[in-house]
Protein backbone atom coordinates (compact mmCIF):
# COMPACT_ATOMS: atom_id res chain seq x y z
CA MET A 1 -72.12 -43.43 25.60
CA SER A 2 -70.47 -46.83 25.21
CA ASP A 3 -69.41 -45.98 21.62
CA ASN A 4 -67.70 -42.80 22.85
CA SER A 5 -65.90 -44.70 25.60
CA THR A 6 -64.74 -47.28 23.10
CA ARG A 7 -63.42 -44.55 20.79
CA ILE A 8 -61.51 -42.87 23.61
CA GLY A 9 -60.07 -46.18 24.70
CA TRP A 10 -58.82 -46.95 21.18
CA THR A 11 -57.27 -43.50 20.91
CA GLU A 12 -55.44 -43.89 24.18
CA ARG A 13 -54.20 -47.33 23.17
CA PHE A 14 -52.90 -45.92 19.90
CA LYS A 15 -51.06 -43.13 21.74
CA LEU A 16 -49.52 -45.61 24.14
CA ARG A 17 -48.36 -47.84 21.30
CA ALA A 18 -46.98 -44.92 19.29
CA SER A 19 -45.20 -43.61 22.39
CA ALA A 20 -43.69 -47.06 23.03
CA VAL A 21 -42.45 -47.28 19.43
CA ILE A 22 -40.92 -43.78 19.60
CA TRP A 23 -39.17 -44.53 22.89
CA PHE A 24 -37.92 -47.84 21.50
CA LEU A 25 -36.45 -46.13 18.42
CA LEU A 26 -34.88 -43.38 20.51
CA GLY A 27 -33.41 -45.93 22.91
CA ALA A 28 -32.05 -48.06 20.05
CA GLY A 29 -30.56 -44.97 18.40
CA PHE A 30 -28.93 -43.96 21.67
CA LEU A 31 -27.40 -47.42 22.14
CA LEU A 32 -26.05 -47.32 18.57
CA SER A 33 -24.55 -43.88 19.13
CA LEU A 34 -23.03 -44.77 22.51
CA PRO A 35 -19.94 -46.66 21.20
CA LEU A 36 -18.96 -43.76 18.93
CA LEU A 37 -19.49 -41.19 21.67
CA LEU A 38 -17.40 -43.21 24.10
CA ASP A 39 -14.67 -43.51 21.46
CA ILE A 40 -14.60 -39.72 21.18
CA SER A 41 -14.44 -39.22 24.95
CA TYR A 42 -16.37 -39.84 28.12
CA TRP A 43 -16.68 -36.08 28.21
CA ALA A 44 -18.87 -36.25 25.11
CA ILE A 45 -21.49 -38.19 27.09
CA ILE A 46 -21.11 -35.88 30.08
CA GLY A 47 -21.47 -32.84 27.84
CA LEU A 48 -24.63 -34.18 26.18
CA ALA A 49 -26.04 -35.05 29.60
CA GLY A 50 -25.37 -31.46 30.68
CA ILE A 51 -27.23 -30.16 27.64
CA ALA A 52 -30.12 -32.50 28.45
CA LEU A 53 -30.23 -31.17 32.03
CA VAL A 54 -30.45 -27.61 30.77
CA LEU A 55 -33.10 -28.34 28.15
CA CYS A 56 -35.26 -30.83 30.07
CA LEU A 57 -37.21 -28.11 31.92
CA PRO A 58 -38.38 -26.17 28.85
CA ALA A 59 -38.92 -29.48 27.00
CA ALA A 60 -41.09 -30.83 29.83
CA TRP A 61 -43.06 -27.58 29.99
CA LEU A 62 -43.67 -27.67 26.23
CA VAL A 63 -44.83 -31.31 26.28
CA ARG A 64 -47.21 -30.70 29.19
CA ARG A 65 -48.62 -27.65 27.44
CA LEU A 66 -49.15 -29.40 24.08
CA PHE A 67 -50.45 -32.72 25.41
CA ARG A 68 -53.23 -32.43 27.97
CA GLY A 69 -52.82 -36.01 29.11
CA GLN A 70 -49.28 -35.32 30.31
CA ARG A 71 -50.52 -32.76 32.83
CA SER A 72 -52.02 -35.46 34.99
CA GLY A 73 -48.55 -36.85 35.74
CA SER A 74 -46.04 -35.42 38.18
CA TRP A 75 -43.52 -32.79 37.20
CA ALA A 76 -40.72 -35.07 38.36
CA GLY A 77 -41.82 -37.76 35.89
CA SER A 78 -42.11 -35.22 33.07
CA LEU A 79 -38.64 -33.85 33.78
CA PHE A 80 -37.10 -37.33 33.84
CA LYS A 81 -38.71 -38.30 30.53
CA ALA A 82 -37.71 -34.95 29.00
CA PHE A 83 -34.12 -35.47 30.18
CA LEU A 84 -33.97 -38.93 28.60
CA GLY A 85 -35.62 -37.70 25.40
CA VAL A 86 -33.22 -34.78 24.96
CA LEU A 87 -30.20 -36.99 25.80
CA PHE A 88 -31.28 -39.63 23.28
CA VAL A 89 -31.99 -37.12 20.52
CA THR A 90 -28.74 -35.12 20.97
CA SER A 91 -26.70 -38.33 21.09
CA ILE A 92 -28.30 -39.60 17.89
CA LEU A 93 -27.77 -36.25 16.15
CA THR A 94 -24.12 -36.25 17.20
CA ALA A 95 -23.40 -39.79 15.99
CA ALA A 96 -25.59 -39.77 12.87
CA PRO A 97 -23.09 -37.89 10.65
CA LEU A 98 -20.37 -40.42 11.50
CA TYR A 99 -22.62 -43.33 10.54
CA TYR A 100 -23.55 -41.46 7.38
CA PHE A 101 -19.89 -40.95 6.46
CA ALA A 102 -19.16 -44.64 7.08
CA LEU A 103 -22.05 -45.68 4.83
CA LEU A 104 -21.12 -43.11 2.17
CA THR A 105 -17.57 -44.47 1.95
CA ASP A 106 -18.90 -47.99 1.40
CA LEU A 107 -21.92 -47.27 -0.80
CA ARG A 108 -20.47 -44.49 -2.99
CA PRO A 109 -16.73 -45.23 -3.07
CA MET A 110 -14.21 -42.85 -4.56
CA THR A 111 -12.80 -44.38 -7.77
CA VAL A 112 -10.08 -43.48 -10.28
CA PRO A 113 -9.74 -44.67 -13.89
CA GLN A 114 -7.20 -46.94 -15.47
CA ALA A 115 -7.53 -46.21 -19.19
CA THR A 116 -5.67 -47.68 -22.14
CA LEU A 117 -5.23 -45.10 -24.92
CA SER A 118 -3.92 -45.81 -28.41
CA ASN A 119 -3.52 -44.17 -31.79
CA GLY A 120 -2.71 -47.46 -33.51
CA THR A 121 1.03 -46.91 -33.21
CA LYS A 122 1.62 -45.91 -29.61
CA THR A 123 -0.10 -47.25 -26.48
CA VAL A 124 -0.52 -45.24 -23.29
CA VAL A 125 -1.91 -46.75 -20.10
CA PHE A 126 -3.14 -43.91 -17.89
CA GLN A 127 -3.43 -44.94 -14.23
CA GLY A 128 -5.38 -42.34 -12.31
CA MET A 129 -3.87 -41.64 -8.91
CA SER A 130 -4.90 -40.18 -5.59
CA HIS A 131 -2.38 -38.60 -3.23
CA VAL A 132 -3.78 -40.62 -0.33
CA GLY A 133 -5.61 -43.93 -0.51
CA THR A 134 -5.84 -47.46 0.81
CA GLU A 135 -2.89 -49.78 1.04
CA GLY A 136 -4.65 -52.25 -1.25
CA PHE A 137 -5.03 -49.63 -3.98
CA TYR A 138 -1.35 -48.70 -3.99
CA LYS A 139 -0.20 -52.32 -3.86
CA SER A 140 -2.42 -53.06 -6.85
CA VAL A 141 -0.94 -50.11 -8.76
CA VAL A 142 2.62 -51.17 -7.99
CA TYR A 143 1.82 -54.73 -9.09
CA ASP A 144 0.48 -53.37 -12.40
CA LEU A 145 3.60 -51.22 -12.82
CA GLU A 146 5.87 -54.21 -12.30
CA GLU A 147 3.89 -56.15 -14.91
CA ALA A 148 4.15 -53.18 -17.27
CA LEU A 149 7.92 -53.14 -16.88
CA ASP A 150 8.02 -56.82 -17.78
CA ASP A 151 5.92 -56.01 -20.87
CA GLY A 152 8.40 -53.37 -22.04
CA TYR A 153 6.62 -50.19 -20.91
CA VAL A 154 8.40 -47.02 -19.86
CA LEU A 155 6.89 -45.57 -16.67
CA TYR A 156 5.92 -41.90 -16.46
CA TYR A 157 5.50 -40.44 -12.97
CA GLU A 158 3.67 -37.35 -11.79
CA GLY A 159 5.45 -35.03 -9.40
CA VAL A 160 6.33 -31.38 -9.80
CA MET A 161 10.12 -31.25 -9.62
CA PRO A 162 11.89 -28.77 -7.34
CA SER A 163 13.87 -25.84 -8.70
CA PRO A 164 15.77 -23.20 -6.71
CA GLU A 165 14.19 -20.53 -8.86
CA GLY A 166 10.58 -21.59 -8.33
CA ASP A 167 10.39 -23.45 -5.02
CA ASP A 168 9.52 -20.41 -2.92
CA TRP A 169 6.86 -19.28 -5.42
CA PHE A 170 5.36 -22.80 -5.50
CA SER A 171 5.21 -23.03 -1.71
CA LYS A 172 3.46 -19.67 -1.36
CA THR A 173 1.15 -19.83 -4.39
CA VAL A 174 0.25 -23.52 -4.76
CA ALA A 175 1.01 -25.14 -1.39
CA SER A 176 -0.34 -22.29 0.79
CA GLY A 177 3.04 -21.79 2.39
CA GLY A 178 3.55 -25.44 3.35
CA ASP A 179 4.92 -28.66 1.90
CA LEU A 180 2.37 -30.69 -0.06
CA ALA A 181 4.02 -34.07 0.58
CA THR A 182 4.02 -33.47 4.33
CA THR A 183 0.40 -32.32 4.22
CA TYR A 184 -0.73 -35.39 2.25
CA LYS A 185 1.15 -37.74 4.57
CA LEU A 186 -0.39 -36.10 7.63
CA LEU A 187 -3.84 -36.26 6.03
CA GLY A 188 -3.34 -39.94 5.28
CA ASP A 189 -2.37 -40.64 8.89
CA VAL A 190 -5.44 -38.88 10.23
CA CYS A 191 -7.80 -40.54 7.73
CA GLY A 192 -6.44 -44.05 8.26
CA LEU A 193 -5.06 -44.04 4.71
CA LYS A 194 -1.62 -44.22 3.08
CA PHE A 195 0.54 -41.75 1.18
CA GLN A 196 1.23 -42.74 -2.42
CA LEU A 197 4.99 -42.05 -2.43
CA ASP A 198 5.54 -44.58 0.36
CA TYR A 199 4.62 -47.37 -2.07
CA PHE A 200 6.51 -46.20 -5.14
CA ARG A 201 9.68 -46.94 -3.16
CA LEU A 202 8.96 -50.60 -3.87
CA LEU A 203 10.24 -49.90 -7.39
CA ALA A 204 13.49 -48.36 -6.15
CA THR A 205 15.61 -51.37 -7.13
CA ASP A 206 14.45 -51.27 -10.74
CA MET A 207 14.78 -47.49 -10.80
CA ALA A 208 18.43 -47.81 -9.82
CA ALA A 209 19.10 -50.62 -12.31
CA HIS A 210 17.15 -49.17 -15.25
CA PRO A 211 16.74 -45.40 -14.78
CA ASP A 212 15.79 -44.97 -18.44
CA ARG A 213 12.54 -46.89 -17.80
CA HIS A 214 11.44 -44.49 -15.05
CA VAL A 215 10.70 -40.93 -16.18
CA LYS A 216 9.67 -37.98 -14.02
CA ALA A 217 7.20 -36.72 -16.59
CA ASP A 218 6.28 -33.44 -14.98
CA VAL A 219 7.34 -29.82 -14.99
CA THR A 220 9.49 -27.95 -12.46
CA THR A 221 8.34 -25.35 -9.99
CA ALA A 222 10.20 -22.77 -12.12
CA ASP A 223 8.27 -23.87 -15.23
CA MET A 224 5.00 -23.34 -13.39
CA MET A 225 6.15 -19.97 -12.08
CA HIS A 226 7.05 -18.80 -15.59
CA GLU A 227 3.66 -19.96 -16.91
CA TYR A 228 1.95 -18.15 -14.04
CA ASP A 229 3.88 -14.95 -14.84
CA ARG A 230 2.98 -15.29 -18.53
CA LEU A 231 -0.71 -15.59 -17.70
CA MET A 232 -0.50 -12.62 -15.36
CA ARG A 233 0.88 -10.55 -18.26
CA GLU A 234 -1.25 -11.88 -21.12
CA ASP A 235 -4.54 -12.99 -19.52
CA PRO A 236 -6.29 -10.08 -17.76
CA GLU A 237 -9.13 -12.33 -16.59
CA PHE A 238 -6.67 -14.71 -14.93
CA ALA A 239 -4.68 -11.82 -13.46
CA ALA A 240 -7.83 -10.38 -11.88
CA THR A 241 -8.48 -13.63 -10.02
CA GLN A 242 -4.93 -13.66 -8.64
CA THR A 243 -4.94 -10.15 -7.19
CA PRO A 244 -4.35 -10.64 -3.46
CA PRO A 245 -7.19 -9.28 -1.28
CA THR A 246 -6.44 -6.34 0.94
CA GLY A 247 -7.96 -4.63 3.94
CA ALA A 248 -11.33 -5.88 5.13
CA ASP A 249 -11.63 -8.22 2.14
CA LYS A 250 -8.67 -10.30 3.21
CA ALA A 251 -9.74 -13.58 4.80
CA PRO A 252 -7.97 -14.68 7.99
CA ALA A 253 -5.58 -17.59 7.60
CA ALA A 254 -6.72 -20.84 9.17
CA ASP A 255 -3.60 -22.94 8.57
CA ASP A 256 -2.42 -22.72 12.17
CA GLY A 257 -5.79 -23.89 13.49
CA LEU A 258 -5.96 -26.77 11.02
CA ALA A 259 -2.41 -27.83 11.80
CA GLY A 260 -3.18 -27.75 15.51
CA PHE A 261 -6.34 -29.82 15.01
CA LEU A 262 -4.51 -32.44 12.93
CA ASP A 263 -1.72 -32.56 15.50
CA TRP A 264 -4.29 -33.11 18.27
CA LEU A 265 -5.84 -35.97 16.31
CA GLN A 266 -2.45 -37.56 15.75
CA ASN A 267 -1.83 -37.55 19.48
CA GLY A 268 -5.33 -38.77 20.31
CA THR A 269 -6.31 -42.19 21.56
CA PRO A 270 -6.71 -45.05 19.06
CA GLU A 271 -10.47 -44.73 19.49
CA GLN A 272 -10.41 -40.99 18.73
CA ARG A 273 -8.24 -41.62 15.67
CA ARG A 274 -10.69 -44.29 14.50
CA VAL A 275 -13.62 -41.87 14.76
CA ALA A 276 -11.58 -39.12 13.05
CA GLY A 277 -10.76 -41.57 10.27
CA ILE A 278 -14.45 -42.34 9.69
CA ALA A 279 -15.26 -38.64 9.39
CA CYS A 280 -12.18 -37.86 7.29
CA ARG A 281 -12.75 -40.68 4.78
CA GLY A 282 -16.42 -39.75 4.46
CA LEU A 283 -15.64 -36.08 3.87
CA MET A 284 -12.96 -36.97 1.31
CA THR A 285 -15.34 -39.32 -0.49
CA MET A 286 -18.06 -36.65 -0.52
CA GLN A 287 -15.74 -33.88 -1.70
CA LEU A 288 -13.72 -35.81 -4.28
CA SER A 289 -16.77 -37.54 -5.78
CA ARG A 290 -18.27 -34.21 -6.75
CA ARG A 291 -17.46 -32.77 -10.14
CA ALA A 292 -15.02 -30.06 -9.16
CA GLN A 293 -15.64 -26.58 -10.49
CA PRO A 294 -12.70 -25.17 -12.46
CA GLU A 295 -10.42 -22.94 -10.43
CA PRO A 296 -8.47 -20.06 -11.98
CA LEU A 297 -5.15 -21.63 -10.95
CA ASP A 298 -6.07 -24.79 -12.89
CA LYS A 299 -4.61 -23.05 -15.92
CA VAL A 300 -1.22 -23.57 -14.31
CA ILE A 301 -1.73 -26.65 -12.12
CA VAL A 302 -3.73 -28.72 -14.64
CA ASP A 303 -3.80 -27.27 -18.17
CA PHE A 304 -0.13 -26.30 -18.39
CA ARG A 305 1.06 -29.64 -17.02
CA ASN A 306 -1.32 -31.50 -19.37
CA ARG A 307 0.26 -29.74 -22.35
CA ALA A 308 3.74 -30.63 -21.13
CA LEU A 309 2.72 -34.28 -20.64
CA ALA A 310 1.05 -34.50 -24.06
CA ASP A 311 4.16 -33.02 -25.72
CA ARG A 312 6.37 -35.52 -23.90
CA ILE A 313 4.20 -38.47 -24.98
CA ALA A 314 4.17 -37.27 -28.59
CA ALA A 315 7.97 -36.93 -28.58
CA GLU A 316 8.59 -40.28 -26.85
CA SER A 317 10.40 -42.72 -29.15
CA ARG A 318 9.16 -45.77 -27.25
CA ASP A 319 5.68 -46.97 -28.17
CA LYS A 320 4.48 -48.31 -24.79
CA ILE A 321 4.04 -45.76 -21.99
CA TYR A 322 2.50 -46.27 -18.55
CA VAL A 323 1.45 -42.99 -16.91
CA THR A 324 0.63 -42.57 -13.21
CA TYR A 325 -1.01 -39.17 -12.84
CA GLY A 326 -3.83 -37.49 -10.98
CA ALA A 327 -7.17 -38.78 -12.25
CA ASP A 328 -8.35 -35.25 -13.15
CA HIS A 329 -5.70 -35.02 -15.87
CA LEU A 330 -7.09 -37.82 -18.06
CA THR A 331 -9.81 -35.90 -19.92
CA GLY A 332 -7.59 -32.95 -20.74
CA LEU A 333 -4.67 -35.16 -21.74
CA LEU A 334 -6.80 -37.19 -24.14
CA ALA A 335 -8.18 -34.03 -25.76
CA LEU A 336 -4.64 -32.67 -26.28
CA LEU A 337 -3.43 -35.96 -27.77
CA GLN A 338 -6.41 -35.97 -30.14
CA GLU A 339 -5.52 -32.44 -31.23
CA LYS A 340 -2.10 -33.78 -32.26
CA ASP A 341 -3.50 -36.99 -33.77
CA PRO A 342 -7.29 -37.62 -34.10
CA ALA A 343 -6.60 -41.38 -34.06
CA TRP A 344 -6.07 -41.33 -30.30
CA GLN A 345 -8.94 -43.05 -28.45
CA ILE A 346 -9.73 -45.00 -25.30
CA GLU A 347 -9.47 -48.72 -25.99
CA SER A 348 -10.34 -49.97 -22.51
CA LEU A 349 -11.35 -48.49 -19.18
CA LYS A 350 -11.69 -49.85 -15.67
CA TRP A 351 -12.21 -48.21 -12.28
CA MET A 352 -10.29 -48.71 -9.06
CA ARG A 353 -11.38 -47.82 -5.54
CA THR A 354 -9.03 -45.52 -3.62
CA ILE A 355 -10.73 -44.91 -0.24
CA ALA A 356 -12.04 -47.51 2.20
CA ALA A 357 -11.94 -48.27 5.90
CA PRO A 358 -8.69 -49.97 6.99
CA GLU A 359 -9.01 -53.74 7.02
CA GLU A 360 -8.82 -55.10 10.55
CA LEU A 361 -8.31 -58.85 10.86
CA ASP A 362 -8.27 -60.95 14.00
CA GLY A 363 -7.77 -64.58 14.85
CA LYS A 364 -6.63 -67.07 17.43
CA LEU A 365 -3.45 -69.10 17.63
């Protein structure tokens, strides 16, 4: 009889200790989630409390049914504990993705290559770029460009050039009816990042003084349109992917909703913008770090422009070229250069981080 009592007592003590640990972890998680929830809005807390009020009754009933020891307590106590439990859990689940995105951005940062290519005669420095990134990244790139100019390099810039013939086609087919520069700038503002073109203006003085050292090494919108039309005529597989959906197969456009959401974030409080930035940077890091699957339109957006860039490099009379282009172009460009001259190879390679939380410094005077 005494052995049985001892066993029951140990079991109850274990349950009490386990319960205390669980409540401690839930309480700590709730306190960690509270600052983010308050940054979003006080209504976030009120909304989660409302959910907890709705769910506390079935949660209390389920706990009392599963655990016989809970039936000895009052219903009021069970409801209060169920309310707290549901509130803690929903708050943690709401804030957890934001903490995950913050950690992801720091632990698995998005990087782009800076590769030095050479065939023994000509040297090409390929600086991978991102349309939006941190201020530190762009300042570092501009510093390298200024050093390259001092070393006698000619600078090649990415940027599809406008053309009256192809601008409308480009806007509808590539930019989804909008303006890519405006979209990237807006995305940068929401994510707490910067737009790359804002920093290339630092080279404006040298561009004006030495325009021959600054080359827009890209195609025009008309060039892309003509390549698109050629593929539509000569590549049935490509043409099939570009047939616009009709009827029930046509997906509803979401541009207006996205634009409205981004506009709301821009007009939000500093705290809401900070939270949006955490989520945005995390999602960008997650998406851009994945190996992208080839898209049918890559034949125009990537492959065609790679061929044009490779031809321009091969025809360039100067032997030192510094290219700033989207990081995804490097592999294809190198393969095309090697087709022209097998001696082309990567001589050096380093990686640069493009996305990080904005640096916030404070001090006292």
